[in-house]
Amino acid sequence: MSVLIKDIKKNNNEIIRIEVSEFKGRELINIRVWFQSILPGGDVEYKPTQKGVTLNIAEFAELKDGIDKLANYLSDKEAGSAPGQP
């Protein structure tokens, strides 16, 4: 079972998909590149690549902390100040 959280368009043929899935009874966060595959009949479906990362759901707080630090970095850079290093 997987729950789609968000698709982010990477280019015309690929997306970055964020989803929550389960493997061997453990909930995981998957952030992975998916590519378009054309099916017989012309329908399009997306298939996962090996490019990506899988985290235990318990690591979400650390992931969020990293994204918050990235937001601060971008804000500092936009304001013209030197972004700090951890």
Protein backbone atom coordinates (compact mmCIF):
# COMPACT_ATOMS: atom_id res chain seq x y z
CA MET A 1 0.00 0.00 0.00
CA SER A 2 1.32 3.45 -0.82
CA VAL A 3 -0.12 6.90 -0.33
CA LEU A 4 0.74 9.56 -2.90
CA ILE A 5 1.72 12.80 -1.18
CA LYS A 6 2.90 14.98 -4.09
CA ASP A 7 4.16 14.83 -7.67
CA ILE A 8 6.67 17.49 -8.75
CA LYS A 9 7.28 17.90 -12.48
CA LYS A 10 11.01 17.47 -13.19
CA ASN A 11 10.81 17.71 -17.00
CA ASN A 12 8.46 16.62 -19.80
CA ASN A 13 9.15 12.93 -19.19
CA GLU A 14 9.87 12.67 -15.45
CA ILE A 15 8.34 13.55 -12.09
CA ILE A 16 9.65 13.46 -8.55
CA ARG A 17 7.10 11.57 -6.49
CA ILE A 18 6.80 11.81 -2.73
CA GLU A 19 4.84 8.97 -1.18
CA VAL A 20 4.45 7.00 2.02
CA SER A 21 4.62 3.23 1.63
CA GLU A 22 4.99 0.13 3.74
CA PHE A 23 7.70 -2.52 3.46
CA LYS A 24 8.02 -5.46 5.86
CA GLY A 25 5.65 -3.75 8.28
CA ARG A 26 7.60 -0.48 8.37
CA GLU A 27 6.27 2.85 7.06
CA LEU A 28 8.68 4.58 4.69
CA ILE A 29 8.96 7.97 3.02
CA ASN A 30 9.91 7.56 -0.66
CA ILE A 31 11.23 10.47 -2.70
CA ARG A 32 11.93 9.05 -6.13
CA VAL A 33 12.19 9.97 -9.81
CA TRP A 34 9.50 8.35 -11.98
CA PHE A 35 9.55 8.25 -15.82
CA GLN A 36 6.76 8.12 -18.40
CA SER A 37 6.10 4.81 -20.06
CA ILE A 38 3.83 4.61 -23.11
CA LEU A 39 1.50 1.62 -22.98
CA PRO A 40 0.07 -0.16 -26.01
CA GLY A 41 -2.88 1.95 -27.06
CA GLY A 42 -1.09 5.20 -26.28
CA ASP A 43 -1.90 5.51 -22.56
CA VAL A 44 0.84 6.91 -20.35
CA GLU A 45 1.83 5.57 -16.95
CA TYR A 46 4.69 6.48 -14.64
CA LYS A 47 7.22 3.90 -13.46
CA PRO A 48 9.81 4.34 -10.69
CA THR A 49 13.54 4.60 -11.30
CA GLN A 50 16.33 3.68 -8.90
CA LYS A 51 17.09 7.40 -8.47
CA GLY A 52 15.76 8.49 -5.13
CA VAL A 53 15.85 8.03 -1.41
CA THR A 54 13.81 6.06 1.11
CA LEU A 55 13.63 7.08 4.75
CA ASN A 56 12.01 5.48 7.75
CA ILE A 57 8.96 7.54 8.69
CA ALA A 58 10.58 8.09 12.10
CA GLU A 59 13.21 10.22 10.28
CA PHE A 60 10.58 12.74 9.10
CA ALA A 61 11.51 15.30 11.79
CA GLU A 62 15.12 15.30 10.57
CA LEU A 63 14.01 15.63 6.94
CA LYS A 64 11.75 18.55 7.88
CA ASP A 65 14.61 20.18 9.81
CA GLY A 66 16.79 19.93 6.71
CA ILE A 67 14.06 21.48 4.54
CA ASP A 68 13.58 24.28 7.10
CA LYS A 69 17.34 24.96 7.00
CA LEU A 70 17.19 25.03 3.20
CA ALA A 71 14.35 27.58 3.38
CA ASN A 72 16.45 29.75 5.72
CA TYR A 73 19.43 29.46 3.38
CA LEU A 74 17.35 30.56 0.38
CA SER A 75 15.84 33.42 2.38
CA ASP A 76 19.28 34.64 3.50
CA LYS A 77 20.62 34.36 -0.05
CA GLU A 78 17.68 36.31 -1.45
CA ALA A 79 18.16 39.02 1.19
CA GLY A 80 21.81 39.35 0.17
CA SER A 81 23.31 38.14 3.41
CA ALA A 82 25.83 35.35 3.60
CA PRO A 83 24.04 32.11 4.44
CA GLY A 84 25.54 30.41 7.49
CA GLN A 85 26.97 26.94 7.65
CA PRO A 86 25.82 24.40 10.25
